[in-house]
Amino acid sequence: MGGVRTHRLLPLISAFALAACTVTVPGSPVAGDVEQRGPRGPVPAGLERFYGQALTWSGCGGFAHDDESRDAFAKRDVRCALLTVPLDYANPAGRTATIGVLRKPATSDRVGALVLNPGGPGASGMSAAVGIADREPKIAAHFDVVGFDPRGIGVSKPRIQCVTGPEMDADRAEPDEDTVAEEEAENKDFATKCAQRSGVDLLANVGTRDVARDMDVLRSALGEEKLTYLGYSYGTLIGTVYAEAFPGNVRAMVLDGAVDPDEDPVAQAIEQVKGFDKALSDYFAGCSTRRCTVKSKDQLKKLLVDLEKRPIPVGKRKLSYSDASTGIDAALYSDEYWEFLDKALAELAGGKGESLMLLADLYTGRDDSGEYSGIMDALVAVRCVDEPRITDRAELERRTREVVQATRGVFMADVHPPLPALDTCAFWPTPNTSVPHQPKVAGVPPLLVVSTTGDPATPYQAGVNLAKSLGARLLTYQATQHTAFLDGVSCVDSVGLAYLEKLELPPADVTCKG
């Protein structure tokens, strides 16, 4: 879908009340402080015990499960808890799930809680909350910064699991499938493993519809009458779905790097391919002021074609064409990483692949031990229940032709055109729970949408369309990167902070220049 917040993707380059008692809650890593602030606001019938639940806050170290969370959760001024929600909201008396929640309390003049999601689908909101609170003192001062791991992801349980670390490594090392039958066999195998290892009941209920419902339970348990929310990339879709489901429960939302909720998936894929191509053009244009070993698309194309024939050894692994492409795309999320990409491409030209492999590992969530965060599994699982699947062969061939024609001449698109193969979702064991549509948000207060003109992952027009759909104010940022708010751009940050803190929006749409 939209990708993830850049500063979380490439880390190497770059509030609680005292409780009356302390108890140990089953499933919680350590004992903590029990706090009950809910229920607050409207409570849907049958969900009273969830909306009014107490949260047990403790140190976050025991919740860590990968390199990223171990670094983020080691902070002493953050607290973590588990929120209980129905696995299936149609059966609230049935099986439950737990949602990991992290909170860094406001330090002065508290406005309320700011709930956030960094995108993906599959990225950890808990880890992202630590980074945002540390980087932006005004947010940390006035808001309890709250991040949650959406259902099936990270700390949350049960967890989506489709492939093992060694299986993922093997898949990344293999060349692209040459035939429709080969690709479909691999896609079917992935869907089968997801069902076996995650459980069909979890896969049926991991869509954005259910994440938005969880977020309303969280709002109430945090004691917030209205939700204040910050969503990046795919997180903008969570915000949109929430605003449609609970328009009267919204205080404020900043949606940055927008996913257009009514855009056809084929059109979305085409625009994303073109977006990364434009970012690559901007990258090479910048070589006029940087020392670049690889200075053009033609030169890079030759290196990648050669790499496909002869992968480069990197330790016990080999850098494949697929991994190199993934690493390049990762670095194109922001011009802040172009110098690192210079280094990686210089290595590639010299027959080395360590830096591109590292970028690909970071993007796919692989840590030094060879384990994966699950972000790629979650991305597929969420997409397969958020979008209608295509199983009709004629329709599939028509859509494939549309993509091929629309991306002809785009960098490397002609070398690896898509096959008219049934994707993983065609073999998914559960039906979709959402369809692209224009959101109905009557009664929602004024919102702020941020869209960047050179965003490769969520192209600019998607933000224009989302702002129109929500009746929101649009903030345009002229730059080449994915998302902009709280990224050190004073013009963008001043507008967003005034809105979140004081609910003050500019009288008209505004443009900021990079």
Protein backbone atom coordinates (compact mmCIF):
# COMPACT_ATOMS: atom_id res chain seq x y z
CA MET A 1 0.00 0.00 0.00
CA GLY A 2 1.57 3.24 1.08
CA GLY A 3 4.85 2.21 2.60
CA VAL A 4 6.12 3.31 5.98
CA ARG A 5 7.37 6.44 7.65
CA THR A 6 10.91 7.03 6.34
CA HIS A 7 12.77 7.77 9.56
CA ARG A 8 11.55 4.46 10.94
CA LEU A 9 12.47 2.61 7.76
CA LEU A 10 16.11 3.67 7.66
CA PRO A 11 17.25 4.19 11.25
CA LEU A 12 20.97 3.67 10.59
CA ILE A 13 21.20 6.64 8.26
CA SER A 14 19.77 8.94 9.52
CA ALA A 15 1.50 9.50 29.71
CA PHE A 16 0.30 7.84 32.68
CA ALA A 17 -1.40 8.46 36.06
CA LEU A 18 -0.40 6.83 39.36
CA ALA A 19 -2.61 3.86 40.07
CA ALA A 20 -4.18 2.69 43.26
CA CYS A 21 -2.54 -0.71 43.22
CA THR A 22 -0.05 -2.95 41.45
CA VAL A 23 -1.01 -6.34 40.04
CA THR A 24 0.27 -8.87 37.54
CA VAL A 25 -1.99 -9.33 34.52
CA PRO A 26 -1.80 -12.63 32.58
CA GLY A 27 -0.01 -12.02 29.31
CA SER A 28 1.79 -8.92 30.55
CA PRO A 29 5.60 -9.21 30.67
CA VAL A 30 5.91 -7.59 34.10
CA ALA A 31 3.74 -6.24 36.88
CA GLY A 32 2.59 -2.65 36.50
CA ASP A 33 0.26 0.16 37.52
CA VAL A 34 -3.44 -0.40 36.93
CA GLU A 35 -5.26 2.60 35.49
CA GLN A 36 -8.91 2.90 34.52
CA ARG A 37 -9.92 6.04 32.63
CA GLY A 38 -12.78 4.65 30.55
CA PRO A 39 -15.37 4.31 29.40
CA ARG A 40 -15.43 7.69 27.68
CA GLY A 41 -17.64 8.78 24.84
CA PRO A 42 -20.19 6.59 23.05
CA VAL A 43 -19.95 2.86 23.74
CA PRO A 44 -21.33 0.44 21.11
CA ALA A 45 -23.76 -2.11 22.52
CA GLY A 46 -22.10 -5.31 23.64
CA LEU A 47 -18.63 -3.77 23.90
CA GLU A 48 -18.93 -2.21 27.36
CA ARG A 49 -16.25 -4.40 28.97
CA PHE A 50 -13.75 -3.45 26.30
CA TYR A 51 -14.43 0.29 26.32
CA GLY A 52 -14.29 0.44 30.11
CA GLN A 53 -11.28 -1.82 30.65
CA ALA A 54 -8.40 -0.92 32.92
CA LEU A 55 -4.91 -0.82 31.41
CA THR A 56 -1.90 -2.14 33.30
CA TRP A 57 1.10 0.09 32.51
CA SER A 58 4.64 -1.14 33.08
CA GLY A 59 8.15 -0.68 31.76
CA CYS A 60 8.41 -1.56 28.08
CA GLY A 61 11.57 -3.69 28.10
CA GLY A 62 9.68 -6.94 28.54
CA PHE A 63 7.60 -6.23 25.43
CA ALA A 64 10.60 -5.98 23.07
CA HIS A 65 10.74 -8.64 20.37
CA ASP A 66 13.19 -7.41 17.70
CA ASP A 67 16.14 -5.05 17.25
CA GLU A 68 13.95 -2.01 16.64
CA SER A 69 11.72 -2.54 19.66
CA ARG A 70 14.66 -3.35 21.93
CA ASP A 71 16.19 0.02 21.13
CA ALA A 72 12.93 1.97 21.39
CA PHE A 73 11.51 0.26 24.48
CA ALA A 74 14.67 0.72 26.52
CA LYS A 75 13.67 4.35 27.22
CA ARG A 76 12.90 4.92 30.90
CA ASP A 77 10.18 7.52 30.32
CA VAL A 78 7.84 5.26 28.32
CA ARG A 79 5.24 2.82 29.60
CA CYS A 80 3.55 -0.09 27.85
CA ALA A 81 0.27 -1.97 28.22
CA LEU A 82 -1.91 -4.55 26.47
CA LEU A 83 -5.38 -3.55 25.27
CA THR A 84 -7.93 -6.35 24.94
CA VAL A 85 -10.30 -6.29 21.95
CA PRO A 86 -12.67 -8.79 20.31
CA LEU A 87 -10.94 -10.79 17.59
CA ASP A 88 -14.25 -10.63 15.71
CA TYR A 89 -16.42 -7.61 16.49
CA ALA A 90 -19.45 -9.53 15.23
CA ASN A 91 -18.90 -11.92 18.14
CA PRO A 92 -17.66 -9.81 21.08
CA ALA A 93 -18.27 -12.66 23.53
CA GLY A 94 -15.89 -14.90 21.60
CA ARG A 95 -12.12 -15.04 21.24
CA THR A 96 -10.13 -11.90 22.07
CA ALA A 97 -6.90 -10.33 20.81
CA THR A 98 -4.42 -8.07 22.59
CA ILE A 99 -3.04 -4.84 21.14
CA GLY A 100 0.37 -3.57 22.24
CA VAL A 101 0.28 0.08 23.36
CA LEU A 102 3.15 2.43 24.29
CA ARG A 103 2.71 5.82 25.96
CA LYS A 104 5.19 8.61 26.65
CA PRO A 105 3.43 11.04 29.02
CA ALA A 106 3.16 14.76 28.34
CA THR A 107 5.66 16.81 30.32
CA SER A 108 3.68 20.09 30.67
CA ASP A 109 0.39 21.77 29.77
CA ARG A 110 -1.16 18.50 28.64
CA VAL A 111 -3.70 18.77 25.81
CA GLY A 112 -4.51 15.07 25.67
CA ALA A 113 -3.34 11.86 24.03
CA LEU A 114 -1.98 11.82 20.48
CA VAL A 115 -2.47 8.37 18.94
CA LEU A 116 -0.32 7.61 15.90
CA ASN A 117 0.39 5.04 13.23
CA PRO A 118 3.48 5.12 10.93
CA GLY A 119 2.14 3.07 8.03
CA GLY A 120 2.94 -0.19 6.36
CA PRO A 121 0.61 -2.00 6.83
CA GLY A 122 2.76 -3.78 9.36
CA ALA A 123 4.90 -1.07 10.92
CA SER A 124 5.06 -0.74 14.70
CA GLY A 125 3.29 2.29 16.10
CA MET A 126 4.86 1.61 19.48
CA SER A 127 8.41 2.06 18.17
CA ALA A 128 7.38 5.04 16.03
CA ALA A 129 5.88 6.83 19.03
CA VAL A 130 9.25 6.81 20.81
CA GLY A 131 11.02 8.35 17.82
CA ILE A 132 8.43 11.08 17.30
CA ALA A 133 8.31 12.01 20.99
CA ASP A 134 12.10 12.22 21.15
CA ARG A 135 12.37 14.30 17.98
CA GLU A 136 9.58 16.86 18.52
CA PRO A 137 9.64 18.57 21.95
CA LYS A 138 6.36 20.46 21.46
CA ILE A 139 4.47 17.25 20.80
CA ALA A 140 6.16 15.55 23.75
CA ALA A 141 5.37 18.48 26.03
CA HIS A 142 1.65 18.81 25.32
CA PHE A 143 0.54 15.29 24.42
CA ASP A 144 0.78 11.82 25.77
CA VAL A 145 2.35 10.31 22.65
CA VAL A 146 0.67 6.94 22.13
CA GLY A 147 1.62 4.33 19.57
CA PHE A 148 -0.01 0.96 19.09
CA ASP A 149 0.87 -2.15 17.13
CA PRO A 150 -2.22 -2.93 15.01
CA ARG A 151 -3.82 -6.32 15.46
CA GLY A 152 -1.66 -9.17 14.25
CA ILE A 153 1.51 -7.05 14.27
CA GLY A 154 4.54 -6.70 16.56
CA VAL A 155 3.64 -6.93 20.25
CA SER A 156 -0.03 -7.60 19.44
CA LYS A 157 -1.32 -11.18 19.69
CA PRO A 158 -2.23 -13.41 17.95
CA ARG A 159 0.37 -12.44 15.37
CA ILE A 160 0.33 -12.75 11.60
CA GLN A 161 2.95 -15.26 10.46
CA CYS A 162 3.22 -16.52 6.90
CA VAL A 163 6.85 -17.43 6.22
CA THR A 164 9.90 -18.14 8.37
CA GLY A 165 13.14 -16.18 8.23
CA PRO A 166 14.97 -18.82 6.15
CA GLU A 167 11.97 -19.08 3.79
CA MET A 168 11.96 -15.32 3.31
CA ASP A 169 15.71 -15.28 2.67
CA ALA A 170 15.32 -18.01 0.06
CA ASP A 171 12.46 -16.19 -1.66
CA ARG A 172 14.45 -12.96 -1.83
CA ALA A 173 17.42 -14.75 -3.38
CA GLU A 174 15.40 -16.43 -6.14
CA PRO A 175 15.04 -14.84 -9.60
CA ASP A 176 11.61 -13.57 -10.64
CA GLU A 177 9.22 -16.26 -11.86
CA ASP A 178 9.27 -16.79 -15.62
CA THR A 179 5.80 -18.23 -16.09
CA VAL A 180 2.27 -17.59 -14.87
CA ALA A 181 2.10 -21.11 -13.43
CA GLU A 182 5.29 -20.64 -11.40
CA GLU A 183 4.16 -17.32 -9.96
CA GLU A 184 0.71 -18.63 -9.09
CA ALA A 185 2.18 -21.68 -7.39
CA GLU A 186 4.33 -19.45 -5.21
CA ASN A 187 1.42 -17.14 -4.40
CA LYS A 188 -0.82 -20.07 -3.48
CA ASP A 189 1.90 -21.53 -1.26
CA PHE A 190 2.25 -18.22 0.57
CA ALA A 191 -1.52 -17.99 1.20
CA THR A 192 -1.61 -21.60 2.42
CA LYS A 193 1.23 -21.00 4.87
CA CYS A 194 -0.47 -17.84 6.16
CA ALA A 195 -3.65 -19.78 6.89
CA GLN A 196 -1.78 -22.64 8.57
CA ARG A 197 0.51 -20.49 10.70
CA SER A 198 -1.72 -17.51 11.53
CA GLY A 199 -5.15 -19.13 11.65
CA VAL A 200 -8.07 -18.31 9.38
CA ASP A 201 -9.97 -16.55 12.16
CA LEU A 202 -7.13 -14.03 12.58
CA LEU A 203 -6.70 -13.49 8.84
CA ALA A 204 -10.41 -12.80 8.49
CA ASN A 205 -10.20 -9.92 10.97
CA VAL A 206 -6.94 -8.03 10.33
CA GLY A 207 -8.33 -5.44 7.92
CA THR A 208 -8.33 -1.69 8.38
CA ARG A 209 -12.01 -1.82 9.34
CA ASP A 210 -11.09 -3.76 12.48
CA VAL A 211 -7.98 -1.68 13.25
CA ALA A 212 -10.18 1.44 13.29
CA ARG A 213 -12.55 -0.25 15.75
CA ASP A 214 -9.60 -1.16 17.97
CA MET A 215 -8.50 2.47 17.89
CA ASP A 216 -11.87 3.58 19.24
CA VAL A 217 -11.59 1.09 22.10
CA LEU A 218 -8.13 2.51 22.77
CA ARG A 219 -9.47 6.09 22.73
CA SER A 220 -11.97 5.19 25.44
CA ALA A 221 -9.51 3.20 27.56
CA LEU A 222 -7.10 6.17 27.45
CA GLY A 223 -9.91 8.35 28.85
CA GLU A 224 -10.22 10.51 25.73
CA GLU A 225 -13.67 11.84 24.83
CA LYS A 226 -12.42 12.59 21.31
CA LEU A 227 -9.54 11.11 19.31
CA THR A 228 -6.49 13.14 18.29
CA TYR A 229 -4.66 11.15 15.61
CA LEU A 230 -1.54 11.34 13.46
CA GLY A 231 -1.34 8.90 10.55
CA TYR A 232 1.45 8.48 8.03
CA SER A 233 1.16 6.64 4.70
CA TYR A 234 -1.11 3.59 5.23
CA GLY A 235 -1.88 5.16 8.61
CA THR A 236 -3.89 7.78 6.68
CA LEU A 237 -6.24 5.00 5.57
CA ILE A 238 -6.72 3.94 9.18
CA GLY A 239 -7.60 7.55 10.00
CA THR A 240 -10.02 7.80 7.09
CA VAL A 241 -11.79 4.58 8.02
CA TYR A 242 -12.00 5.76 11.64
CA ALA A 243 -13.43 9.13 10.61
CA GLU A 244 -16.11 7.37 8.56
CA ALA A 245 -17.01 4.90 11.32
CA PHE A 246 -16.80 7.35 14.26
CA PRO A 247 -17.08 10.93 12.91
CA GLY A 248 -18.41 12.27 16.20
CA ASN A 249 -15.46 10.83 18.12
CA VAL A 250 -12.80 12.83 16.24
CA ARG A 251 -11.07 15.86 17.75
CA ALA A 252 -8.29 16.31 15.16
CA MET A 253 -6.39 14.31 12.54
CA VAL A 254 -3.20 14.97 10.59
CA LEU A 255 -3.01 12.57 7.64
CA ASP A 256 0.37 12.71 5.89
CA GLY A 257 1.36 10.75 2.78
CA ALA A 258 -2.20 9.93 1.88
CA VAL A 259 -3.71 6.73 0.56
CA ASP A 260 -6.72 7.58 -1.62
CA PRO A 261 -9.52 5.37 -0.22
CA ASP A 262 -11.42 5.41 -3.54
CA GLU A 263 -8.51 4.76 -5.91
CA ASP A 264 -8.52 1.62 -8.04
CA PRO A 265 -5.62 -0.66 -6.96
CA VAL A 266 -4.35 -0.84 -10.54
CA ALA A 267 -4.23 2.95 -10.82
CA GLN A 268 -2.53 3.08 -7.44
CA ALA A 269 0.14 0.61 -8.58
CA ILE A 270 0.77 2.55 -11.79
CA GLU A 271 1.16 5.85 -9.96
CA GLN A 272 3.55 4.31 -7.45
CA VAL A 273 5.78 2.90 -10.22
CA LYS A 274 5.84 6.33 -11.84
CA GLY A 275 6.44 7.98 -8.48
CA PHE A 276 9.60 5.99 -7.80
CA ASP A 277 10.76 6.59 -11.37
CA LYS A 278 10.37 10.34 -10.85
CA ALA A 279 12.25 10.13 -7.52
CA LEU A 280 15.07 8.26 -9.29
CA SER A 281 15.22 11.01 -11.93
CA ASP A 282 15.46 13.61 -9.17
CA TYR A 283 18.19 11.57 -7.51
CA PHE A 284 20.33 11.49 -10.65
CA ALA A 285 19.68 15.18 -11.31
CA GLY A 286 21.18 15.84 -7.88
CA CYS A 287 24.43 14.17 -8.95
CA SER A 288 25.40 17.52 -10.46
CA THR A 289 26.20 18.67 -6.91
CA ARG A 290 27.30 15.32 -5.43
CA ARG A 291 30.07 12.87 -6.22
CA CYS A 292 28.21 9.98 -7.87
CA THR A 293 29.87 6.90 -9.32
CA VAL A 294 26.62 5.82 -10.99
CA LYS A 295 25.25 8.89 -12.75
CA SER A 296 22.37 7.77 -14.98
CA LYS A 297 19.47 5.34 -15.31
CA ASP A 298 21.16 3.65 -18.26
CA GLN A 299 24.27 2.96 -16.20
CA LEU A 300 22.21 1.67 -13.28
CA LYS A 301 20.05 -0.47 -15.59
CA LYS A 302 23.13 -2.26 -16.93
CA LEU A 303 24.35 -2.96 -13.40
CA LEU A 304 20.98 -4.41 -12.40
CA VAL A 305 20.68 -6.57 -15.53
CA ASP A 306 24.18 -7.91 -14.89
CA LEU A 307 23.27 -8.52 -11.24
CA GLU A 308 20.28 -10.61 -12.27
CA LYS A 309 22.65 -12.91 -14.17
CA ARG A 310 25.37 -12.91 -11.51
CA PRO A 311 24.20 -12.13 -7.93
CA ILE A 312 26.89 -10.64 -5.70
CA PRO A 313 28.00 -12.60 -2.60
CA VAL A 314 27.35 -10.75 0.68
CA GLY A 315 28.62 -12.90 3.51
CA LYS A 316 26.74 -16.20 3.33
CA ARG A 317 24.00 -14.62 1.21
CA LYS A 318 23.83 -13.16 -2.29
CA LEU A 319 22.49 -9.78 -3.37
CA SER A 320 19.80 -10.51 -5.95
CA TYR A 321 18.29 -8.18 -8.51
CA SER A 322 15.15 -8.09 -6.37
CA ASP A 323 17.04 -7.08 -3.22
CA ALA A 324 19.01 -4.42 -5.07
CA SER A 325 15.80 -2.92 -6.44
CA THR A 326 14.22 -2.99 -2.99
CA GLY A 327 17.27 -1.28 -1.47
CA ILE A 328 17.23 1.45 -4.13
CA ASP A 329 13.52 2.08 -3.61
CA ALA A 330 14.06 2.28 0.16
CA ALA A 331 16.65 5.03 -0.28
CA LEU A 332 14.35 6.95 -2.64
CA TYR A 333 11.82 7.54 0.15
CA SER A 334 13.71 10.73 1.04
CA ASP A 335 16.47 12.87 -0.42
CA GLU A 336 18.10 12.71 3.03
CA TYR A 337 19.35 9.25 2.04
CA TRP A 338 20.73 10.07 -1.39
CA GLU A 339 24.31 10.25 -0.15
CA PHE A 340 23.94 6.78 1.35
CA LEU A 341 22.54 5.60 -1.99
CA ASP A 342 25.59 7.15 -3.69
CA LYS A 343 27.75 4.88 -1.52
CA ALA A 344 25.58 1.82 -2.17
CA LEU A 345 25.61 2.27 -5.94
CA ALA A 346 29.35 2.92 -5.95
CA GLU A 347 29.75 -0.41 -4.14
CA LEU A 348 27.49 -2.08 -6.71
CA ALA A 349 29.60 -0.71 -9.56
CA GLY A 350 32.64 -2.16 -7.79
CA GLY A 351 31.08 -5.60 -7.42
CA LYS A 352 30.02 -5.24 -3.78
CA GLY A 353 26.54 -5.36 -2.30
CA GLU A 354 26.70 -4.83 1.47
CA SER A 355 24.95 -1.44 1.57
CA LEU A 356 22.14 -2.39 -0.82
CA MET A 357 21.59 -5.60 1.13
CA LEU A 358 21.41 -3.62 4.35
CA LEU A 359 18.82 -1.27 2.83
CA ALA A 360 16.77 -4.22 1.60
CA ASP A 361 16.97 -5.87 5.03
CA LEU A 362 15.74 -2.72 6.73
CA TYR A 363 12.86 -2.38 4.29
CA THR A 364 11.74 -5.97 4.70
CA GLY A 365 12.23 -5.98 8.48
CA ARG A 366 15.13 -8.45 8.72
CA ASP A 367 17.37 -8.17 11.77
CA ASP A 368 20.97 -9.34 12.28
CA SER A 369 19.83 -12.74 13.53
CA GLY A 370 17.98 -13.48 10.30
CA GLU A 371 14.52 -13.06 11.81
CA TYR A 372 11.89 -10.80 10.27
CA SER A 373 9.56 -8.31 11.95
CA GLY A 374 6.54 -9.59 10.01
CA ILE A 375 5.90 -6.32 8.19
CA MET A 376 5.83 -7.98 4.77
CA ASP A 377 3.48 -10.74 5.94
CA ALA A 378 1.16 -8.14 7.46
CA LEU A 379 1.21 -6.00 4.34
CA VAL A 380 -0.12 -8.90 2.26
CA ALA A 381 -2.63 -10.03 4.89
CA VAL A 382 -4.16 -6.58 5.32
CA ARG A 383 -4.30 -5.90 1.59
CA CYS A 384 -6.07 -9.20 0.97
CA VAL A 385 -8.97 -8.28 3.24
CA ASP A 386 -9.02 -4.57 2.40
CA GLU A 387 -9.40 -4.95 -1.37
CA PRO A 388 -11.58 -7.11 -3.65
CA ARG A 389 -9.65 -9.96 -5.17
CA ILE A 390 -9.36 -10.58 -8.91
CA THR A 391 -9.99 -14.18 -9.97
CA ASP A 392 -11.48 -13.67 -13.43
CA ARG A 393 -8.80 -14.41 -16.02
CA ALA A 394 -10.12 -11.97 -18.60
CA GLU A 395 -10.25 -9.15 -16.05
CA LEU A 396 -6.77 -10.06 -14.83
CA GLU A 397 -5.33 -9.94 -18.35
CA ARG A 398 -7.04 -6.61 -19.02
CA ARG A 399 -5.58 -5.10 -15.86
CA THR A 400 -2.12 -6.47 -16.59
CA ARG A 401 -2.19 -4.93 -20.07
CA GLU A 402 -3.25 -1.64 -18.50
CA VAL A 403 -0.26 -1.65 -16.15
CA VAL A 404 2.18 -2.63 -18.91
CA GLN A 405 0.94 0.08 -21.27
CA ALA A 406 0.87 2.77 -18.58
CA THR A 407 4.41 2.03 -17.38
CA ARG A 408 6.08 1.48 -20.76
CA GLY A 409 9.42 3.25 -20.77
CA VAL A 410 9.48 3.63 -16.99
CA PHE A 411 12.80 2.54 -15.44
CA MET A 412 13.14 -1.29 -15.51
CA ALA A 413 9.38 -1.76 -16.09
CA ASP A 414 10.03 -3.10 -19.60
CA VAL A 415 12.67 -5.50 -18.29
CA HIS A 416 10.28 -7.09 -15.78
CA PRO A 417 6.69 -6.50 -16.91
CA PRO A 418 4.01 -8.02 -14.65
CA LEU A 419 2.61 -11.43 -15.55
CA PRO A 420 -1.17 -11.98 -15.79
CA ALA A 421 -0.97 -14.30 -12.78
CA LEU A 422 -3.42 -14.64 -9.91
CA ASP A 423 -1.86 -12.86 -6.93
CA THR A 424 -1.73 -14.11 -3.34
CA CYS A 425 -5.10 -12.58 -2.50
CA ALA A 426 -6.81 -14.72 -5.16
CA PHE A 427 -5.93 -17.73 -2.97
CA TRP A 428 -6.71 -16.05 0.36
CA PRO A 429 -8.81 -18.22 2.70
CA THR A 430 -11.16 -15.41 3.81
CA PRO A 431 -13.30 -12.81 1.98
CA ASN A 432 -12.43 -9.13 1.86
CA THR A 433 -14.05 -6.90 4.48
CA SER A 434 -13.66 -3.57 2.66
CA VAL A 435 -13.81 -2.12 -0.84
CA PRO A 436 -12.41 1.15 -2.21
CA HIS A 437 -15.06 3.86 -1.90
CA GLN A 438 -15.67 7.52 -1.22
CA PRO A 439 -15.76 7.91 2.58
CA LYS A 440 -18.96 9.25 4.12
CA VAL A 441 -17.81 11.54 6.92
CA ALA A 442 -20.72 13.84 7.67
CA GLY A 443 -20.19 15.36 11.12
CA VAL A 444 -16.41 15.01 11.20
CA PRO A 445 -14.57 18.21 12.28
CA PRO A 446 -11.99 19.96 10.05
CA LEU A 447 -8.97 17.75 9.34
CA LEU A 448 -5.50 18.38 7.89
CA VAL A 449 -4.06 16.39 4.96
CA VAL A 450 -0.36 16.75 4.07
CA SER A 451 0.80 15.73 0.60
CA THR A 452 4.28 16.01 -0.92
CA THR A 453 4.65 16.77 -4.63
CA GLY A 454 7.49 14.29 -5.19
CA ASP A 455 6.28 11.52 -2.88
CA PRO A 456 7.20 8.22 -4.59
CA ALA A 457 5.18 5.87 -2.37
CA THR A 458 1.91 7.79 -2.03
CA PRO A 459 1.81 10.18 -5.00
CA TYR A 460 0.72 13.77 -4.49
CA GLN A 461 -2.66 13.50 -6.21
CA ALA A 462 -3.81 10.92 -3.67
CA GLY A 463 -3.51 13.59 -0.97
CA VAL A 464 -5.43 16.08 -3.10
CA ASN A 465 -8.19 13.53 -3.57
CA LEU A 466 -8.29 12.58 0.12
CA ALA A 467 -8.52 16.21 1.25
CA LYS A 468 -11.45 16.72 -1.12
CA SER A 469 -13.17 13.53 0.09
CA LEU A 470 -12.85 14.55 3.75
CA GLY A 471 -13.52 18.26 3.26
CA ALA A 472 -10.09 18.75 4.84
CA ARG A 473 -7.50 21.50 4.56
CA LEU A 474 -4.64 20.49 2.20
CA LEU A 475 -1.01 21.31 3.00
CA THR A 476 1.22 20.83 -0.06
CA TYR A 477 4.94 20.32 0.47
CA GLN A 478 7.16 20.79 -2.56
CA ALA A 479 9.94 18.21 -2.21
CA THR A 480 10.98 14.67 -3.12
CA GLN A 481 10.27 12.44 -0.11
CA HIS A 482 7.62 10.31 1.54
CA THR A 483 5.78 12.28 4.28
CA ALA A 484 6.85 15.59 5.79
CA PHE A 485 5.19 16.44 9.13
CA LEU A 486 7.60 16.45 12.10
CA ASP A 487 10.52 15.96 9.74
CA GLY A 488 12.18 19.28 10.52
CA VAL A 489 10.37 21.38 7.90
CA SER A 490 9.37 24.49 9.88
CA CYS A 491 6.59 25.58 7.51
CA VAL A 492 4.91 22.17 7.59
CA ASP A 493 5.48 21.62 11.32
CA SER A 494 4.14 25.02 12.37
CA VAL A 495 0.84 24.43 10.55
CA GLY A 496 0.45 20.90 11.89
CA LEU A 497 1.39 21.77 15.48
CA ALA A 498 -0.97 24.76 15.63
CA TYR A 499 -3.76 22.50 14.46
CA LEU A 500 -3.07 19.63 16.86
CA GLU A 501 -2.52 21.87 19.88
CA LYS A 502 -5.09 24.62 19.32
CA LEU A 503 -7.31 23.29 16.50
CA GLU A 504 -6.21 26.26 14.38
CA LEU A 505 -6.10 25.70 10.62
CA PRO A 506 -5.08 28.15 7.86
CA PRO A 507 -8.08 29.85 6.20
CA ALA A 508 -7.22 28.14 2.90
CA ASP A 509 -5.01 25.40 1.51
CA VAL A 510 -1.33 26.18 1.97
CA THR A 511 1.94 25.33 0.15
CA CYS A 512 5.36 24.90 1.75
CA LYS A 513 8.59 24.73 -0.24
CA GLY A 514 11.47 22.40 0.50
